[in-house]
Amino acid sequence: MDKRERILKVIYEGIDDYNLDLPETEHIHKALDTVLFDTIDGILDSVGFLTLSTAIEKRIAAEFCQAFALFTPDIFSREDKPLRTVGSLVGYLEGKL
């Protein structure tokens, strides 16, 4: 499994963790084009983002044997919008890990 596949696996597992506490109608879908965090059509509010990012950070630590903080001061202001979709998050993490 290459790095990109491992990152996608980690994100999908984080989404599974996040979905555990939600009714099925509110589940985040596991697809690259799923919009996560956006001012117009995002699924997550700030609390949801923190919950999901914590799940992903824990899985990154286990999968890549390194600590990683997804929630950084600049994450919301970046022009490339790494949190907009699952796919953009994969690309962002691929460049950071």
Protein backbone atom coordinates (compact mmCIF):
# COMPACT_ATOMS: atom_id res chain seq x y z
CA MET A 1 0.00 0.00 0.00
CA ASP A 2 1.53 3.35 -0.99
CA LYS A 3 1.48 6.49 1.17
CA ARG A 4 -1.62 7.96 -0.47
CA GLU A 5 -3.58 4.74 0.08
CA ARG A 6 -2.45 4.61 3.71
CA ILE A 7 -3.57 8.21 4.25
CA LEU A 8 -6.96 7.53 2.67
CA LYS A 9 -7.34 4.45 4.88
CA VAL A 10 -6.55 6.55 7.97
CA ILE A 11 -9.08 9.22 6.96
CA TYR A 12 -11.79 6.66 6.23
CA GLU A 13 -11.16 4.98 9.59
CA GLY A 14 -11.42 8.40 11.26
CA ILE A 15 -14.72 8.96 9.44
CA ASP A 16 -15.92 5.56 10.68
CA ASP A 17 -15.06 6.61 14.25
CA TYR A 18 -16.86 9.93 13.79
CA ASN A 19 -19.95 8.24 12.32
CA LEU A 20 -20.32 5.86 15.28
CA ASP A 21 -22.12 8.48 17.37
CA LEU A 22 -24.40 9.76 14.61
CA PRO A 23 -27.66 8.54 13.12
CA GLU A 24 -27.11 7.01 9.69
CA THR A 25 -28.80 9.98 7.99
CA GLU A 26 -25.99 12.24 9.29
CA HIS A 27 -23.04 10.02 8.41
CA ILE A 28 -20.11 11.42 6.47
CA HIS A 29 -19.78 9.50 3.22
CA LYS A 30 -16.41 7.99 2.45
CA ALA A 31 -15.61 9.42 -0.99
CA LEU A 32 -12.85 11.72 -2.26
CA ASP A 33 -15.36 14.37 -3.31
CA THR A 34 -17.24 14.45 0.02
CA VAL A 35 -17.27 18.07 1.23
CA LEU A 36 -16.16 18.23 4.85
CA PHE A 37 -15.59 21.81 5.89
CA ASP A 38 -16.74 24.72 3.76
CA THR A 39 -18.71 27.88 4.43
CA ILE A 40 -21.40 26.97 1.90
CA ASP A 41 -21.91 23.22 1.75
CA GLY A 42 -19.65 21.71 4.40
CA ILE A 43 -20.83 18.88 6.62
CA LEU A 44 -18.76 19.70 9.69
CA ASP A 45 -19.07 22.56 12.11
CA SER A 46 -16.09 23.48 14.29
CA VAL A 47 -16.92 20.85 16.94
CA GLY A 48 -17.38 18.20 14.27
CA PHE A 49 -14.07 19.16 12.72
CA LEU A 50 -12.29 18.85 16.07
CA THR A 51 -13.88 15.45 16.67
CA LEU A 52 -12.92 14.14 13.23
CA SER A 53 -9.43 15.64 13.31
CA THR A 54 -8.73 14.02 16.69
CA ALA A 55 -9.75 10.63 15.30
CA ILE A 56 -7.55 11.14 12.23
CA GLU A 57 -4.57 12.36 14.30
CA LYS A 58 -4.72 9.24 16.49
CA ARG A 59 -4.81 7.00 13.46
CA ILE A 60 -1.93 8.90 11.80
CA ALA A 61 0.16 8.36 14.94
CA ALA A 62 -0.55 4.63 14.81
CA GLU A 63 -0.13 4.18 11.04
CA PHE A 64 2.89 6.43 10.47
CA CYS A 65 4.48 6.23 13.95
CA GLN A 66 4.58 10.00 14.30
CA ALA A 67 2.55 12.66 16.01
CA PHE A 68 0.71 15.04 13.72
CA ALA A 69 -1.47 18.06 14.50
CA LEU A 70 -4.14 18.61 11.87
CA PHE A 71 -5.61 21.57 13.74
CA THR A 72 -3.07 24.37 13.20
CA PRO A 73 -3.61 28.14 13.24
CA ASP A 74 -3.31 28.45 9.46
CA ILE A 75 -5.40 25.44 8.44
CA PHE A 76 -8.59 27.46 7.87
CA SER A 77 -6.95 30.35 6.01
CA ARG A 78 -4.92 28.39 3.47
CA GLU A 79 -5.80 29.18 -0.13
CA ASP A 80 -5.67 25.51 -1.16
CA LYS A 81 -8.49 24.71 1.34
CA PRO A 82 -7.12 21.36 2.57
CA LEU A 83 -10.22 20.65 4.66
CA ARG A 84 -12.79 21.23 1.93
CA THR A 85 -13.06 17.63 0.74
CA VAL A 86 -11.72 14.22 1.67
CA GLY A 87 -9.56 14.39 -1.47
CA SER A 88 -8.04 17.77 -0.58
CA LEU A 89 -7.32 16.47 2.92
CA VAL A 90 -5.54 13.45 1.43
CA GLY A 91 -3.39 15.76 -0.71
CA TYR A 92 -2.58 18.01 2.24
CA LEU A 93 -1.58 15.09 4.45
CA GLU A 94 0.43 13.51 1.66
CA GLY A 95 2.57 16.65 1.53
CA LYS A 96 2.97 16.81 5.31
CA LEU A 97 3.77 13.19 6.16
